[in-house]
Amino acid sequence: MHPAEFPPFLDTPNIYIDSGVTYVVVDFETLLLDNPSATNPEGGIVLACWEIHRPDGTIERKHKWGDEYQQSELVKDITESDFYVAQNSKFEHGWLTRCGLDPYDNLAYDTMLGAWVLHGNRKLPRNLSALSKSYGGSGKVDLVSMMIKNGICPSQINPVWLLEYCYMDVHITAEVFKKQIKELQATNQLHLVHVRNLA
């Protein structure tokens, strides 16, 4: 591949602090199986929620019920953005690939990887609830979270509750991302998390 064909974000670790970029924050609720990842052919998406953060400071919230064949709007929004954000983005990455997103032309920022860089050798929890609390948030303990932890499939949860829960995860992820970026910039570690995101 000629260097000119490489994605432009490969050598731009400052993309996360560029005030002129548009990014998408995304979260999926999937069928609760022994292996809920996209590698399981029996798995499926129940709900996708996302926010589009634009340079003018506006945030547009969207959601879509349905499997990977119903998520074309999400794929379009990510394709038209500069990068997307997710907690443990390897999970979302797999599902987005099944939805039709090109995995090589779209950059993901992973808040869990951001925590790995910031934590260094410290053994600290890196789940979304713990990261939220570490930045002064309330975490994500609620009824839906407890239901899922106790084995109730998202497809069987009241849709109103599940939608609120999924949007809450998106909001928390966005807040953690913003605070991580400030910390990474202050500690001159943006390039480290960028390399991990690319990998």
C-alpha atoms as a PDB file:
ATOM      1  CA  MET A   1       0.000   0.000   0.000  1.00  0.00           C
ATOM      2  CA  HIS A   2       1.312   3.412  -0.951  1.00  0.00           C
ATOM      3  CA  PRO A   3       1.737   5.814   2.035  1.00  0.00           C
ATOM      4  CA  ALA A   4      -0.729   8.213   0.425  1.00  0.00           C
ATOM      5  CA  GLU A   5      -3.403   5.522   0.828  1.00  0.00           C
ATOM      6  CA  PHE A   6      -2.969   5.234   4.608  1.00  0.00           C
ATOM      7  CA  PRO A   7      -5.749   6.750   6.754  1.00  0.00           C
ATOM      8  CA  PRO A   8      -4.853  10.357   7.670  1.00  0.00           C
ATOM      9  CA  PHE A   9      -5.322   9.699  11.407  1.00  0.00           C
ATOM     10  CA  LEU A  10      -2.341   7.316  11.649  1.00  0.00           C
ATOM     11  CA  ASP A  11       0.149   9.997  12.663  1.00  0.00           C
ATOM     12  CA  THR A  12      -2.204  12.532  14.276  1.00  0.00           C
ATOM     13  CA  PRO A  13      -2.406  11.800  18.030  1.00  0.00           C
ATOM     14  CA  ASN A  14      -3.668  15.346  18.573  1.00  0.00           C
ATOM     15  CA  ILE A  15      -6.873  14.520  16.696  1.00  0.00           C
ATOM     16  CA  TYR A  16      -8.598  13.959  20.071  1.00  0.00           C
ATOM     17  CA  ILE A  17      -7.971  17.551  21.170  1.00  0.00           C
ATOM     18  CA  ASP A  18      -8.711  19.223  17.835  1.00  0.00           C
ATOM     19  CA  SER A  19     -11.657  21.586  18.353  1.00  0.00           C
ATOM     20  CA  GLY A  20     -12.649  21.173  14.715  1.00  0.00           C
ATOM     21  CA  VAL A  21     -13.409  17.453  14.749  1.00  0.00           C
ATOM     22  CA  THR A  22     -16.685  15.581  14.874  1.00  0.00           C
ATOM     23  CA  TYR A  23     -16.830  12.353  16.859  1.00  0.00           C
ATOM     24  CA  VAL A  24     -19.411   9.720  17.745  1.00  0.00           C
ATOM     25  CA  VAL A  25     -19.809   8.064  21.165  1.00  0.00           C
ATOM     26  CA  VAL A  26     -21.491   4.659  20.850  1.00  0.00           C
ATOM     27  CA  ASP A  27     -22.789   1.793  22.977  1.00  0.00           C
ATOM     28  CA  PHE A  28     -24.520  -1.473  22.084  1.00  0.00           C
ATOM     29  CA  GLU A  29     -26.889  -3.652  24.066  1.00  0.00           C
ATOM     30  CA  THR A  30     -26.638  -7.211  22.757  1.00  0.00           C
ATOM     31  CA  LEU A  31     -28.189 -10.605  23.351  1.00  0.00           C
ATOM     32  CA  LEU A  32     -27.008 -12.060  26.643  1.00  0.00           C
ATOM     33  CA  LEU A  33     -25.238 -15.261  25.590  1.00  0.00           C
ATOM     34  CA  ASP A  34     -22.252 -17.169  26.949  1.00  0.00           C
ATOM     35  CA  ASN A  35     -20.278 -15.291  24.297  1.00  0.00           C
ATOM     36  CA  PRO A  36     -21.994 -11.969  23.485  1.00  0.00           C
ATOM     37  CA  SER A  37     -19.206 -10.769  21.190  1.00  0.00           C
ATOM     38  CA  ALA A  38     -19.535 -10.311  17.446  1.00  0.00           C
ATOM     39  CA  THR A  39     -17.491 -13.483  16.907  1.00  0.00           C
ATOM     40  CA  ASN A  40     -20.513 -15.521  17.997  1.00  0.00           C
ATOM     41  CA  PRO A  41     -22.754 -16.118  14.948  1.00  0.00           C
ATOM     42  CA  GLU A  42     -25.721 -16.648  17.261  1.00  0.00           C
ATOM     43  CA  GLY A  43     -25.248 -13.241  18.902  1.00  0.00           C
ATOM     44  CA  GLY A  44     -27.050 -10.110  17.902  1.00  0.00           C
ATOM     45  CA  ILE A  45     -27.564  -6.433  18.611  1.00  0.00           C
ATOM     46  CA  VAL A  46     -30.696  -5.463  20.506  1.00  0.00           C
ATOM     47  CA  LEU A  47     -30.139  -1.705  20.627  1.00  0.00           C
ATOM     48  CA  ALA A  48     -27.552   0.870  19.566  1.00  0.00           C
ATOM     49  CA  CYS A  49     -27.355   4.339  21.131  1.00  0.00           C
ATOM     50  CA  TRP A  50     -24.974   7.066  20.084  1.00  0.00           C
ATOM     51  CA  GLU A  51     -24.180  10.757  20.351  1.00  0.00           C
ATOM     52  CA  ILE A  52     -22.676  12.923  17.625  1.00  0.00           C
ATOM     53  CA  HIS A  53     -20.418  15.627  19.090  1.00  0.00           C
ATOM     54  CA  ARG A  54     -19.855  18.460  16.614  1.00  0.00           C
ATOM     55  CA  PRO A  55     -17.279  21.285  16.569  1.00  0.00           C
ATOM     56  CA  ASP A  56     -19.896  23.921  17.423  1.00  0.00           C
ATOM     57  CA  GLY A  57     -20.558  22.171  20.742  1.00  0.00           C
ATOM     58  CA  THR A  58     -23.896  20.647  19.760  1.00  0.00           C
ATOM     59  CA  ILE A  59     -24.664  17.028  20.602  1.00  0.00           C
ATOM     60  CA  GLU A  60     -27.185  14.963  18.659  1.00  0.00           C
ATOM     61  CA  ARG A  61     -28.539  11.806  20.306  1.00  0.00           C
ATOM     62  CA  LYS A  62     -29.715   8.859  18.233  1.00  0.00           C
ATOM     63  CA  HIS A  63     -30.713   5.243  18.765  1.00  0.00           C
ATOM     64  CA  LYS A  64     -31.802   2.285  16.691  1.00  0.00           C
ATOM     65  CA  TRP A  65     -33.475  -0.954  17.707  1.00  0.00           C
ATOM     66  CA  GLY A  66     -32.512  -4.011  15.687  1.00  0.00           C
ATOM     67  CA  ASP A  67     -29.645  -6.212  14.598  1.00  0.00           C
ATOM     68  CA  GLU A  68     -26.603  -5.358  12.480  1.00  0.00           C
ATOM     69  CA  TYR A  69     -28.762  -5.112   9.361  1.00  0.00           C
ATOM     70  CA  GLN A  70     -30.661  -2.184  10.892  1.00  0.00           C
ATOM     71  CA  GLN A  71     -27.627  -0.047  11.822  1.00  0.00           C
ATOM     72  CA  SER A  72     -26.806   1.686   8.534  1.00  0.00           C
ATOM     73  CA  GLU A  73     -27.461   5.146  10.017  1.00  0.00           C
ATOM     74  CA  LEU A  74     -24.929   4.536  12.789  1.00  0.00           C
ATOM     75  CA  VAL A  75     -22.340   3.297  10.288  1.00  0.00           C
ATOM     76  CA  LYS A  76     -22.948   6.389   8.136  1.00  0.00           C
ATOM     77  CA  ASP A  77     -22.558   8.737  11.113  1.00  0.00           C
ATOM     78  CA  ILE A  78     -19.278   7.118  12.175  1.00  0.00           C
ATOM     79  CA  THR A  79     -17.947   7.092   8.613  1.00  0.00           C
ATOM     80  CA  GLU A  80     -18.657  10.826   8.339  1.00  0.00           C
ATOM     81  CA  SER A  81     -16.967  11.589  11.681  1.00  0.00           C
ATOM     82  CA  ASP A  82     -13.263  11.898  12.512  1.00  0.00           C
ATOM     83  CA  PHE A  83     -13.317   9.086  15.096  1.00  0.00           C
ATOM     84  CA  TYR A  84     -15.647   7.255  17.449  1.00  0.00           C
ATOM     85  CA  VAL A  85     -15.452   6.626  21.202  1.00  0.00           C
ATOM     86  CA  ALA A  86     -16.426   3.502  23.144  1.00  0.00           C
ATOM     87  CA  GLN A  87     -15.645   1.766  26.418  1.00  0.00           C
ATOM     88  CA  ASN A  88     -13.736  -1.433  25.577  1.00  0.00           C
ATOM     89  CA  SER A  89     -14.013  -0.548  21.888  1.00  0.00           C
ATOM     90  CA  LYS A  90     -12.900  -4.030  20.816  1.00  0.00           C
ATOM     91  CA  PHE A  91     -16.482  -5.139  21.576  1.00  0.00           C
ATOM     92  CA  GLU A  92     -18.095  -2.302  19.596  1.00  0.00           C
ATOM     93  CA  HIS A  93     -15.473  -2.675  16.874  1.00  0.00           C
ATOM     94  CA  GLY A  94     -16.528  -6.269  16.251  1.00  0.00           C
ATOM     95  CA  TRP A  95     -20.191  -5.406  16.038  1.00  0.00           C
ATOM     96  CA  LEU A  96     -19.573  -2.361  13.874  1.00  0.00           C
ATOM     97  CA  THR A  97     -17.597  -4.533  11.483  1.00  0.00           C
ATOM     98  CA  ARG A  98     -20.581  -6.885  11.286  1.00  0.00           C
ATOM     99  CA  CYS A  99     -22.725  -3.804  10.617  1.00  0.00           C
ATOM    100  CA  GLY A 100     -20.562  -2.985   7.590  1.00  0.00           C
ATOM    101  CA  LEU A 101     -18.095  -0.423   8.974  1.00  0.00           C
ATOM    102  CA  ASP A 102     -14.618  -0.589   7.424  1.00  0.00           C
ATOM    103  CA  PRO A 103     -12.347  -1.430  10.396  1.00  0.00           C
ATOM    104  CA  TYR A 104      -9.248   0.072   8.769  1.00  0.00           C
ATOM    105  CA  ASP A 105     -10.571   3.471   7.739  1.00  0.00           C
ATOM    106  CA  ASN A 106     -12.265   4.422  11.015  1.00  0.00           C
ATOM    107  CA  LEU A 107     -10.436   5.360  14.201  1.00  0.00           C
ATOM    108  CA  ALA A 108     -11.715   4.368  17.638  1.00  0.00           C
ATOM    109  CA  TYR A 109     -10.811   5.930  20.985  1.00  0.00           C
ATOM    110  CA  ASP A 110     -11.119   3.363  23.782  1.00  0.00           C
ATOM    111  CA  THR A 111     -11.705   4.796  27.276  1.00  0.00           C
ATOM    112  CA  MET A 112     -10.528   1.524  28.806  1.00  0.00           C
ATOM    113  CA  LEU A 113      -7.203   1.782  26.937  1.00  0.00           C
ATOM    114  CA  GLY A 114      -6.996   5.411  28.036  1.00  0.00           C
ATOM    115  CA  ALA A 115      -7.242   4.163  31.617  1.00  0.00           C
ATOM    116  CA  TRP A 116      -4.506   1.574  30.996  1.00  0.00           C
ATOM    117  CA  VAL A 117      -2.147   4.339  29.874  1.00  0.00           C
ATOM    118  CA  LEU A 118      -3.038   6.655  32.756  1.00  0.00           C
ATOM    119  CA  HIS A 119      -2.919   3.933  35.400  1.00  0.00           C
ATOM    120  CA  GLY A 120       0.498   2.693  34.357  1.00  0.00           C
ATOM    121  CA  ASN A 121       1.448  -0.285  36.555  1.00  0.00           C
ATOM    122  CA  ARG A 122      -1.297   0.362  39.109  1.00  0.00           C
ATOM    123  CA  LYS A 123      -3.874  -2.409  39.352  1.00  0.00           C
ATOM    124  CA  LEU A 124      -7.083  -0.390  39.318  1.00  0.00           C
ATOM    125  CA  PRO A 125     -10.575  -1.248  37.995  1.00  0.00           C
ATOM    126  CA  ARG A 126     -11.135  -0.059  34.449  1.00  0.00           C
ATOM    127  CA  ASN A 127     -14.821  -0.824  33.899  1.00  0.00           C
ATOM    128  CA  LEU A 128     -17.061   2.095  32.938  1.00  0.00           C
ATOM    129  CA  SER A 129     -18.670   2.456  36.359  1.00  0.00           C
ATOM    130  CA  ALA A 130     -15.296   2.573  38.125  1.00  0.00           C
ATOM    131  CA  LEU A 131     -13.893   5.074  35.628  1.00  0.00           C
ATOM    132  CA  SER A 132     -16.940   7.298  36.059  1.00  0.00           C
ATOM    133  CA  LYS A 133     -16.547   7.272  39.840  1.00  0.00           C
ATOM    134  CA  SER A 134     -12.815   7.991  39.566  1.00  0.00           C
ATOM    135  CA  TYR A 135     -13.696  11.270  37.808  1.00  0.00           C
ATOM    136  CA  GLY A 136     -16.397  12.240  40.296  1.00  0.00           C
ATOM    137  CA  GLY A 137     -19.342  10.633  38.510  1.00  0.00           C
ATOM    138  CA  SER A 138     -22.000   8.412  40.052  1.00  0.00           C
ATOM    139  CA  GLY A 139     -21.129   5.202  38.186  1.00  0.00           C
ATOM    140  CA  LYS A 140     -23.823   3.094  36.552  1.00  0.00           C
ATOM    141  CA  VAL A 141     -25.438   0.991  39.262  1.00  0.00           C
ATOM    142  CA  ASP A 142     -29.172   0.850  38.577  1.00  0.00           C
ATOM    143  CA  LEU A 143     -31.979  -1.652  38.069  1.00  0.00           C
ATOM    144  CA  VAL A 144     -31.113  -2.500  34.456  1.00  0.00           C
ATOM    145  CA  SER A 145     -27.444  -2.991  35.300  1.00  0.00           C
ATOM    146  CA  MET A 146     -28.401  -5.414  38.086  1.00  0.00           C
ATOM    147  CA  MET A 147     -30.829  -7.256  35.808  1.00  0.00           C
ATOM    148  CA  ILE A 148     -28.146  -7.795  33.154  1.00  0.00           C
ATOM    149  CA  LYS A 149     -25.576  -8.873  35.762  1.00  0.00           C
ATOM    150  CA  ASN A 150     -28.111 -11.438  37.022  1.00  0.00           C
ATOM    151  CA  GLY A 151     -28.520 -12.985  33.579  1.00  0.00           C
ATOM    152  CA  ILE A 152     -31.601 -11.272  32.193  1.00  0.00           C
ATOM    153  CA  CYS A 153     -31.187 -10.730  28.455  1.00  0.00           C
ATOM    154  CA  PRO A 154     -31.530  -7.103  27.292  1.00  0.00           C
ATOM    155  CA  SER A 155     -34.112  -8.296  24.773  1.00  0.00           C
ATOM    156  CA  GLN A 156     -36.372  -9.197  27.732  1.00  0.00           C
ATOM    157  CA  ILE A 157     -35.977  -5.887  29.579  1.00  0.00           C
ATOM    158  CA  ASN A 158     -38.583  -3.123  29.383  1.00  0.00           C
ATOM    159  CA  PRO A 159     -37.577  -1.131  26.262  1.00  0.00           C
ATOM    160  CA  VAL A 160     -38.039   2.218  28.031  1.00  0.00           C
ATOM    161  CA  TRP A 161     -35.648   1.133  30.795  1.00  0.00           C
ATOM    162  CA  LEU A 162     -33.132  -0.337  28.370  1.00  0.00           C
ATOM    163  CA  LEU A 163     -33.091   2.788  26.200  1.00  0.00           C
ATOM    164  CA  GLU A 164     -32.470   5.007  29.224  1.00  0.00           C
ATOM    165  CA  TYR A 165     -29.709   2.646  30.407  1.00  0.00           C
ATOM    166  CA  CYS A 166     -27.980   2.570  27.017  1.00  0.00           C
ATOM    167  CA  TYR A 167     -28.095   6.355  26.681  1.00  0.00           C
ATOM    168  CA  MET A 168     -26.692   6.632  30.213  1.00  0.00           C
ATOM    169  CA  ASP A 169     -23.713   4.481  29.190  1.00  0.00           C
ATOM    170  CA  VAL A 170     -23.119   6.695  26.163  1.00  0.00           C
ATOM    171  CA  HIS A 171     -23.264   9.837  28.316  1.00  0.00           C
ATOM    172  CA  ILE A 172     -20.881   8.396  30.933  1.00  0.00           C
ATOM    173  CA  THR A 173     -18.455   7.235  28.226  1.00  0.00           C
ATOM    174  CA  ALA A 174     -18.452  10.716  26.691  1.00  0.00           C
ATOM    175  CA  GLU A 175     -17.736  12.336  30.058  1.00  0.00           C
ATOM    176  CA  VAL A 176     -14.918   9.893  30.838  1.00  0.00           C
ATOM    177  CA  PHE A 177     -13.435  10.508  27.379  1.00  0.00           C
ATOM    178  CA  LYS A 178     -13.370  14.291  27.840  1.00  0.00           C
ATOM    179  CA  LYS A 179     -11.718  14.044  31.250  1.00  0.00           C
ATOM    180  CA  GLN A 180      -9.194  11.445  30.087  1.00  0.00           C
ATOM    181  CA  ILE A 181      -8.160  13.598  27.145  1.00  0.00           C
ATOM    182  CA  LYS A 182      -7.433  16.539  29.439  1.00  0.00           C
ATOM    183  CA  GLU A 183      -5.362  14.298  31.710  1.00  0.00           C
ATOM    184  CA  LEU A 184      -3.505  12.657  28.832  1.00  0.00           C
ATOM    185  CA  GLN A 185      -2.723  16.058  27.344  1.00  0.00           C
ATOM    186  CA  ALA A 186      -1.437  17.349  30.686  1.00  0.00           C
ATOM    187  CA  THR A 187       0.815  14.311  31.128  1.00  0.00           C
ATOM    188  CA  ASN A 188       1.976  14.285  27.490  1.00  0.00           C
ATOM    189  CA  GLN A 189       0.610  10.780  26.913  1.00  0.00           C
ATOM    190  CA  LEU A 190      -1.748  11.320  23.983  1.00  0.00           C
ATOM    191  CA  HIS A 191       0.681   9.618  21.624  1.00  0.00           C
ATOM    192  CA  LEU A 192       0.743   6.514  23.833  1.00  0.00           C
ATOM    193  CA  VAL A 193      -3.011   6.048  23.911  1.00  0.00           C
ATOM    194  CA  HIS A 194      -3.173   6.815  20.167  1.00  0.00           C
ATOM    195  CA  VAL A 195      -0.809   3.927  19.421  1.00  0.00           C
ATOM    196  CA  ARG A 196      -2.921   1.608  21.569  1.00  0.00           C
ATOM    197  CA  ASN A 197      -6.089   2.751  19.844  1.00  0.00           C
ATOM    198  CA  LEU A 198      -4.523   2.038  16.454  1.00  0.00           C
ATOM    199  CA  ALA A 199      -3.414  -1.417  17.575  1.00  0.00           C
END
